[in-house]
Amino acid sequence: MSGSQKITTFLWFDNNAEEAINHYISIFKNSKVLNVTRNGEGGPGPKGTVLTATFELEGQKFMALNGGPIFKFTEAISLFVDCETQEEVDDLWEKLSAGGQPSRCGWLKDKFGLSWQIIPRVLGEMLRDKDPHKAKRVMDAMLKMNKIDVKLLKQAYEGREK
């Protein structure tokens, strides 16, 4: 199966899968809709509305379903975004949390109820430092944050917190 993704995250929406997909592909640069199946005359939803769709965000394939109000997203599953820079963290945080709910330690719920973790790569690097005191200072600093602030993490790492 070279070149194809064997396991795909499947997202159950009430009736706004198309809106969600369009929102996500507007945020992530390397993204596109791969295919859409629309309800016909005898479909479970109104004719012409999305039944299922497959889309790609940064090379990762997802499927979406308009399945009705039976199931809701929970924080038990989240999409982890590995960010290179503070600017990327800021941009994604702003766009994904708009209309949603920011939370602690880089977590947020978007306006569709889907949980995301917007995490700068440097956080993991600092948390894995062989010096347990540095790693603990970084963890303590992170636990006080909603959106992750790389500058404050680095100050904690270096022992220069306020």
N, C-alpha and C. Protein backbone atom coordinates (compact mmCIF):
# COMPACT_ATOMS: atom_id res chain seq x y z
N MET A 1 0.83 -1.20 0.00
CA MET A 1 0.00 0.00 0.00
C MET A 1 0.87 1.25 0.00
N SER A 2 1.92 1.26 -0.74
CA SER A 2 2.79 2.43 -0.71
C SER A 2 2.05 3.65 -1.24
N GLY A 3 2.26 4.77 -0.54
CA GLY A 3 1.64 6.02 -0.96
C GLY A 3 0.22 6.23 -0.46
N SER A 4 -0.38 5.23 0.15
CA SER A 4 -1.74 5.45 0.66
C SER A 4 -1.73 5.30 2.17
N GLN A 5 -2.69 5.90 2.77
CA GLN A 5 -2.81 5.90 4.23
C GLN A 5 -3.76 4.79 4.63
N LYS A 6 -3.30 3.87 5.42
CA LYS A 6 -4.10 2.71 5.80
C LYS A 6 -5.17 3.06 6.83
N ILE A 7 -4.85 3.94 7.76
CA ILE A 7 -5.79 4.32 8.83
C ILE A 7 -6.12 5.79 8.67
N THR A 8 -7.42 6.09 8.61
CA THR A 8 -7.88 7.46 8.38
C THR A 8 -8.78 7.88 9.53
N THR A 9 -8.54 9.07 10.06
CA THR A 9 -9.40 9.62 11.10
C THR A 9 -10.76 9.94 10.49
N PHE A 10 -11.83 9.47 11.13
CA PHE A 10 -13.20 9.63 10.66
C PHE A 10 -13.93 10.55 11.63
N LEU A 11 -14.46 11.65 11.13
CA LEU A 11 -15.10 12.66 11.97
C LEU A 11 -16.60 12.69 11.73
N TRP A 12 -17.38 12.55 12.79
CA TRP A 12 -18.84 12.53 12.72
C TRP A 12 -19.37 13.92 13.09
N PHE A 13 -20.00 14.56 12.13
CA PHE A 13 -20.63 15.86 12.36
C PHE A 13 -22.14 15.66 12.37
N ASP A 14 -22.83 16.62 12.95
CA ASP A 14 -24.30 16.59 12.96
C ASP A 14 -24.78 16.81 11.52
N ASN A 15 -24.64 18.06 11.04
CA ASN A 15 -25.08 18.37 9.67
C ASN A 15 -24.20 19.44 9.02
N ASN A 16 -23.03 19.69 9.61
CA ASN A 16 -22.19 20.79 9.11
C ASN A 16 -20.80 20.32 8.67
N ALA A 17 -20.69 19.09 8.17
CA ALA A 17 -19.40 18.56 7.73
C ALA A 17 -18.79 19.42 6.63
N GLU A 18 -19.61 19.86 5.68
CA GLU A 18 -19.07 20.65 4.56
C GLU A 18 -18.51 21.98 5.06
N GLU A 19 -19.22 22.64 5.96
CA GLU A 19 -18.74 23.89 6.54
C GLU A 19 -17.42 23.66 7.29
N ALA A 20 -17.36 22.58 8.07
CA ALA A 20 -16.15 22.27 8.83
C ALA A 20 -14.97 22.01 7.89
N ILE A 21 -15.19 21.19 6.88
CA ILE A 21 -14.11 20.88 5.93
C ILE A 21 -13.60 22.15 5.26
N ASN A 22 -14.50 22.98 4.80
CA ASN A 22 -14.09 24.23 4.15
C ASN A 22 -13.31 25.13 5.12
N HIS A 23 -13.74 25.14 6.38
CA HIS A 23 -13.04 25.91 7.41
C HIS A 23 -11.61 25.37 7.59
N TYR A 24 -11.48 24.07 7.74
CA TYR A 24 -10.16 23.48 7.97
C TYR A 24 -9.23 23.68 6.78
N ILE A 25 -9.73 23.47 5.56
CA ILE A 25 -8.83 23.63 4.40
C ILE A 25 -8.47 25.09 4.15
N SER A 26 -9.26 26.03 4.70
CA SER A 26 -8.90 27.44 4.59
C SER A 26 -7.79 27.80 5.57
N ILE A 27 -7.61 27.01 6.61
CA ILE A 27 -6.61 27.29 7.65
C ILE A 27 -5.26 26.65 7.34
N PHE A 28 -5.29 25.39 6.90
CA PHE A 28 -4.04 24.66 6.65
C PHE A 28 -3.66 24.78 5.18
N LYS A 29 -2.42 25.21 4.91
CA LYS A 29 -1.99 25.53 3.56
C LYS A 29 -2.05 24.34 2.60
N ASN A 30 -1.49 23.23 2.96
CA ASN A 30 -1.42 22.07 2.06
C ASN A 30 -2.62 21.17 2.28
N SER A 31 -3.77 21.64 1.83
CA SER A 31 -5.01 20.94 2.12
C SER A 31 -5.95 20.98 0.93
N LYS A 32 -6.81 19.96 0.84
CA LYS A 32 -7.76 19.91 -0.27
C LYS A 32 -8.86 18.91 0.02
N VAL A 33 -9.99 19.11 -0.66
CA VAL A 33 -11.08 18.14 -0.64
C VAL A 33 -10.74 17.08 -1.67
N LEU A 34 -10.82 15.81 -1.30
CA LEU A 34 -10.49 14.73 -2.23
C LEU A 34 -11.74 14.21 -2.94
N ASN A 35 -12.82 14.00 -2.19
CA ASN A 35 -14.08 13.62 -2.82
C ASN A 35 -15.24 13.85 -1.88
N VAL A 36 -16.42 14.00 -2.47
CA VAL A 36 -17.63 14.29 -1.71
C VAL A 36 -18.75 13.39 -2.25
N THR A 37 -19.48 12.77 -1.35
CA THR A 37 -20.69 12.03 -1.71
C THR A 37 -21.87 12.81 -1.16
N ARG A 38 -22.77 13.18 -2.03
CA ARG A 38 -23.93 13.97 -1.62
C ARG A 38 -25.16 13.09 -1.54
N ASN A 39 -26.08 13.49 -0.68
CA ASN A 39 -27.35 12.77 -0.55
C ASN A 39 -28.17 12.94 -1.82
N GLY A 40 -28.77 11.84 -2.25
CA GLY A 40 -29.69 11.87 -3.39
C GLY A 40 -31.13 11.89 -2.89
N GLU A 41 -32.05 11.53 -3.76
CA GLU A 41 -33.49 11.52 -3.42
C GLU A 41 -33.76 10.67 -2.18
N GLY A 42 -33.16 9.50 -2.12
CA GLY A 42 -33.46 8.58 -1.02
C GLY A 42 -32.43 8.61 0.09
N GLY A 43 -31.57 9.63 0.11
CA GLY A 43 -30.50 9.68 1.10
C GLY A 43 -31.02 9.97 2.50
N PRO A 44 -30.18 9.73 3.49
CA PRO A 44 -30.59 9.99 4.86
C PRO A 44 -30.73 11.48 5.18
N GLY A 45 -30.07 12.33 4.39
CA GLY A 45 -30.16 13.78 4.60
C GLY A 45 -30.82 14.45 3.42
N PRO A 46 -31.02 15.76 3.52
CA PRO A 46 -31.64 16.50 2.41
C PRO A 46 -30.85 16.35 1.11
N LYS A 47 -31.56 16.21 0.00
CA LYS A 47 -30.94 16.04 -1.32
C LYS A 47 -29.92 17.16 -1.56
N GLY A 48 -28.73 16.76 -2.01
CA GLY A 48 -27.67 17.71 -2.34
C GLY A 48 -26.72 18.01 -1.19
N THR A 49 -27.10 17.67 0.04
CA THR A 49 -26.20 17.92 1.17
C THR A 49 -25.15 16.81 1.25
N VAL A 50 -24.05 17.11 1.91
CA VAL A 50 -22.96 16.15 2.04
C VAL A 50 -23.39 14.97 2.92
N LEU A 51 -23.16 13.78 2.41
CA LEU A 51 -23.30 12.58 3.24
C LEU A 51 -21.93 12.27 3.83
N THR A 52 -20.94 12.05 2.95
CA THR A 52 -19.56 11.83 3.40
C THR A 52 -18.62 12.63 2.52
N ALA A 53 -17.44 12.88 3.05
CA ALA A 53 -16.40 13.56 2.27
C ALA A 53 -15.04 13.12 2.78
N THR A 54 -14.09 13.10 1.88
CA THR A 54 -12.71 12.81 2.22
C THR A 54 -11.90 14.07 1.90
N PHE A 55 -11.03 14.44 2.84
CA PHE A 55 -10.23 15.64 2.65
C PHE A 55 -8.86 15.43 3.26
N GLU A 56 -7.95 16.31 2.90
CA GLU A 56 -6.57 16.19 3.35
C GLU A 56 -6.13 17.50 3.99
N LEU A 57 -5.50 17.40 5.15
CA LEU A 57 -4.90 18.54 5.84
C LEU A 57 -3.42 18.23 6.03
N GLU A 58 -2.57 19.02 5.41
CA GLU A 58 -1.11 18.84 5.52
C GLU A 58 -0.70 17.39 5.24
N GLY A 59 -1.29 16.80 4.21
CA GLY A 59 -0.93 15.45 3.81
C GLY A 59 -1.62 14.34 4.59
N GLN A 60 -2.39 14.68 5.61
CA GLN A 60 -3.09 13.71 6.44
C GLN A 60 -4.53 13.61 5.95
N LYS A 61 -4.96 12.39 5.63
CA LYS A 61 -6.32 12.20 5.12
C LYS A 61 -7.32 12.04 6.26
N PHE A 62 -8.50 12.62 6.07
CA PHE A 62 -9.61 12.54 7.01
C PHE A 62 -10.88 12.22 6.23
N MET A 63 -11.83 11.61 6.92
CA MET A 63 -13.16 11.43 6.36
C MET A 63 -14.15 12.13 7.28
N ALA A 64 -15.22 12.64 6.69
CA ALA A 64 -16.25 13.31 7.47
C ALA A 64 -17.61 12.77 7.06
N LEU A 65 -18.52 12.74 8.01
CA LEU A 65 -19.88 12.26 7.81
C LEU A 65 -20.85 13.23 8.45
N ASN A 66 -21.92 13.54 7.76
CA ASN A 66 -23.05 14.22 8.40
C ASN A 66 -23.95 13.10 8.91
N GLY A 67 -23.79 12.76 10.18
CA GLY A 67 -24.49 11.61 10.74
C GLY A 67 -25.64 11.97 11.66
N GLY A 68 -25.89 13.25 11.84
CA GLY A 68 -26.97 13.65 12.74
C GLY A 68 -26.44 13.87 14.15
N PRO A 69 -27.33 14.27 15.05
CA PRO A 69 -26.93 14.70 16.40
C PRO A 69 -26.73 13.56 17.41
N ILE A 70 -26.42 12.38 16.92
CA ILE A 70 -26.31 11.21 17.81
C ILE A 70 -25.04 11.26 18.66
N PHE A 71 -23.91 11.61 18.05
CA PHE A 71 -22.63 11.62 18.74
C PHE A 71 -22.01 13.00 18.73
N LYS A 72 -21.25 13.31 19.76
CA LYS A 72 -20.53 14.58 19.87
C LYS A 72 -19.04 14.29 20.06
N PHE A 73 -18.21 15.25 19.66
CA PHE A 73 -16.77 15.12 19.91
C PHE A 73 -16.49 15.31 21.39
N THR A 74 -15.45 14.65 21.89
CA THR A 74 -14.99 14.87 23.26
C THR A 74 -13.48 15.11 23.23
N GLU A 75 -12.96 15.59 24.34
CA GLU A 75 -11.52 15.84 24.45
C GLU A 75 -10.70 14.55 24.49
N ALA A 76 -11.37 13.41 24.59
CA ALA A 76 -10.64 12.15 24.62
C ALA A 76 -9.89 11.91 23.31
N ILE A 77 -10.32 12.55 22.25
CA ILE A 77 -9.62 12.50 20.96
C ILE A 77 -9.35 13.94 20.55
N SER A 78 -8.10 14.21 20.16
CA SER A 78 -7.76 15.55 19.69
C SER A 78 -6.81 15.42 18.51
N LEU A 79 -6.71 16.50 17.74
CA LEU A 79 -5.77 16.55 16.63
C LEU A 79 -4.57 17.36 17.09
N PHE A 80 -3.41 16.74 17.10
CA PHE A 80 -2.17 17.34 17.58
C PHE A 80 -1.45 17.97 16.40
N VAL A 81 -1.18 19.27 16.49
CA VAL A 81 -0.50 19.97 15.40
C VAL A 81 0.90 20.36 15.87
N ASP A 82 1.89 19.83 15.18
CA ASP A 82 3.31 20.06 15.47
C ASP A 82 3.73 21.35 14.77
N CYS A 83 3.96 22.40 15.56
CA CYS A 83 4.25 23.73 15.00
C CYS A 83 5.74 24.03 15.07
N GLU A 84 6.24 24.69 14.03
CA GLU A 84 7.66 25.06 13.95
C GLU A 84 7.97 26.33 14.74
N THR A 85 7.05 27.30 14.72
CA THR A 85 7.35 28.64 15.26
C THR A 85 6.21 29.16 16.13
N GLN A 86 6.51 30.20 16.89
CA GLN A 86 5.48 30.88 17.67
C GLN A 86 4.44 31.50 16.73
N GLU A 87 4.88 32.00 15.59
CA GLU A 87 3.95 32.60 14.63
C GLU A 87 2.94 31.58 14.14
N GLU A 88 3.39 30.36 13.89
CA GLU A 88 2.47 29.29 13.46
C GLU A 88 1.50 28.95 14.59
N VAL A 89 2.01 28.86 15.82
CA VAL A 89 1.14 28.62 16.98
C VAL A 89 0.08 29.72 17.06
N ASP A 90 0.52 30.97 16.98
CA ASP A 90 -0.40 32.11 17.10
C ASP A 90 -1.48 32.07 16.02
N ASP A 91 -1.06 31.83 14.78
CA ASP A 91 -1.98 31.82 13.65
C ASP A 91 -3.02 30.70 13.78
N LEU A 92 -2.56 29.49 14.06
CA LEU A 92 -3.48 28.36 14.18
C LEU A 92 -4.39 28.51 15.40
N TRP A 93 -3.82 29.00 16.50
CA TRP A 93 -4.61 29.20 17.72
C TRP A 93 -5.76 30.17 17.45
N GLU A 94 -5.42 31.28 16.81
CA GLU A 94 -6.44 32.30 16.53
C GLU A 94 -7.54 31.75 15.61
N LYS A 95 -7.14 31.09 14.53
CA LYS A 95 -8.11 30.61 13.54
C LYS A 95 -8.94 29.45 14.06
N LEU A 96 -8.32 28.53 14.78
CA LEU A 96 -9.05 27.34 15.24
C LEU A 96 -9.90 27.62 16.48
N SER A 97 -9.47 28.56 17.32
CA SER A 97 -10.24 28.83 18.53
C SER A 97 -11.38 29.83 18.27
N ALA A 98 -11.38 30.51 17.12
CA ALA A 98 -12.43 31.49 16.79
C ALA A 98 -13.80 30.80 16.83
N GLY A 99 -14.67 31.30 17.69
CA GLY A 99 -16.00 30.71 17.83
C GLY A 99 -16.00 29.44 18.66
N GLY A 100 -14.83 29.04 19.12
CA GLY A 100 -14.69 27.83 19.92
C GLY A 100 -14.34 28.16 21.35
N GLN A 101 -13.51 27.32 21.95
CA GLN A 101 -13.20 27.48 23.36
C GLN A 101 -11.73 27.16 23.64
N PRO A 102 -10.91 28.19 23.95
CA PRO A 102 -9.53 27.92 24.33
C PRO A 102 -9.48 27.15 25.65
N SER A 103 -8.46 26.35 25.81
CA SER A 103 -8.30 25.59 27.05
C SER A 103 -6.84 25.67 27.47
N ARG A 104 -6.45 24.82 28.39
CA ARG A 104 -5.11 24.86 28.97
C ARG A 104 -4.12 24.05 28.15
N CYS A 105 -2.84 24.42 28.31
CA CYS A 105 -1.71 23.63 27.82
C CYS A 105 -1.72 23.40 26.31
N GLY A 106 -2.19 24.42 25.57
CA GLY A 106 -2.18 24.32 24.12
C GLY A 106 -3.40 23.65 23.51
N TRP A 107 -4.38 23.29 24.35
CA TRP A 107 -5.59 22.63 23.85
C TRP A 107 -6.66 23.67 23.56
N LEU A 108 -7.49 23.39 22.57
CA LEU A 108 -8.66 24.21 22.29
C LEU A 108 -9.73 23.34 21.64
N LYS A 109 -10.96 23.83 21.73
CA LYS A 109 -12.07 23.22 20.97
C LYS A 109 -12.45 24.22 19.90
N ASP A 110 -12.57 23.76 18.65
CA ASP A 110 -12.98 24.67 17.59
C ASP A 110 -14.50 24.85 17.63
N LYS A 111 -15.02 25.67 16.72
CA LYS A 111 -16.45 25.99 16.74
C LYS A 111 -17.33 24.79 16.40
N PHE A 112 -16.73 23.70 15.96
CA PHE A 112 -17.49 22.47 15.69
C PHE A 112 -17.40 21.47 16.84
N GLY A 113 -16.63 21.83 17.89
CA GLY A 113 -16.49 20.96 19.05
C GLY A 113 -15.31 20.01 18.98
N LEU A 114 -14.53 20.06 17.90
CA LEU A 114 -13.38 19.19 17.73
C LEU A 114 -12.20 19.76 18.52
N SER A 115 -11.51 18.90 19.27
CA SER A 115 -10.38 19.32 20.09
C SER A 115 -9.07 19.27 19.30
N TRP A 116 -8.25 20.28 19.52
CA TRP A 116 -6.95 20.41 18.87
C TRP A 116 -5.90 20.69 19.94
N GLN A 117 -4.67 20.25 19.68
CA GLN A 117 -3.51 20.64 20.47
C GLN A 117 -2.57 21.39 19.53
N ILE A 118 -2.32 22.64 19.82
CA ILE A 118 -1.45 23.48 18.99
C ILE A 118 -0.13 23.65 19.75
N ILE A 119 0.85 22.83 19.37
CA ILE A 119 2.05 22.66 20.19
C ILE A 119 3.32 22.95 19.40
N PRO A 120 4.15 23.87 19.92
CA PRO A 120 5.45 24.11 19.27
C PRO A 120 6.38 22.92 19.52
N ARG A 121 7.09 22.52 18.49
CA ARG A 121 8.00 21.37 18.58
C ARG A 121 8.98 21.50 19.72
N VAL A 122 9.43 22.74 19.99
CA VAL A 122 10.44 22.97 21.02
C VAL A 122 9.94 22.55 22.41
N LEU A 123 8.63 22.55 22.63
CA LEU A 123 8.10 22.13 23.93
C LEU A 123 8.50 20.68 24.23
N GLY A 124 8.28 19.79 23.30
CA GLY A 124 8.66 18.38 23.50
C GLY A 124 10.15 18.21 23.71
N GLU A 125 10.92 18.99 22.95
CA GLU A 125 12.38 18.91 23.08
C GLU A 125 12.81 19.32 24.49
N MET A 126 12.22 20.39 25.02
CA MET A 126 12.58 20.85 26.36
C MET A 126 12.09 19.88 27.44
N LEU A 127 10.90 19.32 27.24
CA LEU A 127 10.35 18.38 28.23
C LEU A 127 11.17 17.09 28.29
N ARG A 128 11.85 16.76 27.19
CA ARG A 128 12.68 15.54 27.17
C ARG A 128 14.13 15.81 27.57
N ASP A 129 14.45 17.01 28.02
CA ASP A 129 15.83 17.35 28.38
C ASP A 129 16.34 16.39 29.46
N LYS A 130 17.61 16.04 29.36
CA LYS A 130 18.17 15.10 30.34
C LYS A 130 18.30 15.71 31.73
N ASP A 131 18.23 17.03 31.82
CA ASP A 131 18.25 17.70 33.13
C ASP A 131 16.80 17.78 33.64
N PRO A 132 16.46 16.98 34.67
CA PRO A 132 15.08 16.94 35.15
C PRO A 132 14.59 18.28 35.72
N HIS A 133 15.49 19.11 36.18
CA HIS A 133 15.09 20.42 36.72
C HIS A 133 14.61 21.35 35.61
N LYS A 134 15.33 21.32 34.49
CA LYS A 134 14.93 22.13 33.33
C LYS A 134 13.55 21.65 32.84
N ALA A 135 13.42 20.34 32.68
CA ALA A 135 12.16 19.78 32.18
C ALA A 135 11.00 20.12 33.12
N LYS A 136 11.23 20.06 34.42
CA LYS A 136 10.16 20.38 35.38
C LYS A 136 9.78 21.85 35.31
N ARG A 137 10.76 22.73 35.18
CA ARG A 137 10.44 24.16 35.07
C ARG A 137 9.60 24.43 33.82
N VAL A 138 9.92 23.75 32.73
CA VAL A 138 9.16 23.91 31.49
C VAL A 138 7.73 23.38 31.69
N MET A 139 7.61 22.21 32.31
CA MET A 139 6.28 21.63 32.57
C MET A 139 5.45 22.57 33.45
N ASP A 140 6.06 23.09 34.51
CA ASP A 140 5.34 24.01 35.40
C ASP A 140 4.88 25.26 34.65
N ALA A 141 5.74 25.79 33.78
CA ALA A 141 5.37 26.98 32.99
C ALA A 141 4.23 26.65 32.03
N MET A 142 4.33 25.51 31.35
CA MET A 142 3.31 25.10 30.39
C MET A 142 1.95 24.92 31.05
N LEU A 143 1.94 24.39 32.25
CA LEU A 143 0.67 24.13 32.95
C LEU A 143 -0.09 25.41 33.29
N LYS A 144 0.61 26.56 33.26
CA LYS A 144 -0.04 27.85 33.54
C LYS A 144 -0.57 28.51 32.27
N MET A 145 -0.26 27.94 31.11
CA MET A 145 -0.59 28.58 29.83
C MET A 145 -1.87 28.03 29.22
N ASN A 146 -2.54 28.86 28.45
CA ASN A 146 -3.56 28.38 27.51
C ASN A 146 -2.82 28.17 26.19
N LYS A 147 -2.69 29.23 25.37
CA LYS A 147 -1.86 29.16 24.17
C LYS A 147 -0.41 29.07 24.63
N ILE A 148 0.35 28.21 24.00
CA ILE A 148 1.75 28.01 24.39
C ILE A 148 2.60 29.19 23.92
N ASP A 149 3.39 29.73 24.84
CA ASP A 149 4.27 30.87 24.59
C ASP A 149 5.71 30.37 24.65
N VAL A 150 6.35 30.27 23.49
CA VAL A 150 7.70 29.73 23.39
C VAL A 150 8.70 30.56 24.19
N LYS A 151 8.57 31.88 24.16
CA LYS A 151 9.50 32.76 24.88
C LYS A 151 9.46 32.45 26.38
N LEU A 152 8.25 32.31 26.94
CA LEU A 152 8.13 31.99 28.38
C LEU A 152 8.65 30.59 28.68
N LEU A 153 8.44 29.64 27.76
CA LEU A 153 8.99 28.29 27.96
C LEU A 153 10.51 28.34 28.01
N LYS A 154 11.10 29.11 27.10
CA LYS A 154 12.57 29.20 27.06
C LYS A 154 13.11 29.87 28.32
N GLN A 155 12.39 30.89 28.82
CA GLN A 155 12.82 31.53 30.07
C GLN A 155 12.78 30.53 31.22
N ALA A 156 11.72 29.72 31.29
CA ALA A 156 11.62 28.70 32.34
C ALA A 156 12.74 27.67 32.17
N TYR A 157 12.98 27.25 30.95
CA TYR A 157 14.01 26.26 30.65
C TYR A 157 15.38 26.74 31.13
N GLU A 158 15.63 28.02 30.90
CA GLU A 158 16.93 28.60 31.27
C GLU A 158 16.96 29.07 32.73
N GLY A 159 15.83 28.91 33.44
CA GLY A 159 15.78 29.32 34.85
C GLY A 159 15.64 30.82 35.01
N ARG A 160 15.07 31.51 34.02
CA ARG A 160 14.94 32.96 34.07
C ARG A 160 13.49 33.40 34.21
N GLU A 161 12.61 32.54 34.74
CA GLU A 161 11.22 32.98 34.83
C GLU A 161 11.08 34.11 35.81
N LYS A 162 10.02 34.89 35.60
CA LYS A 162 9.79 36.09 36.42
C LYS A 162 9.52 35.72 37.86
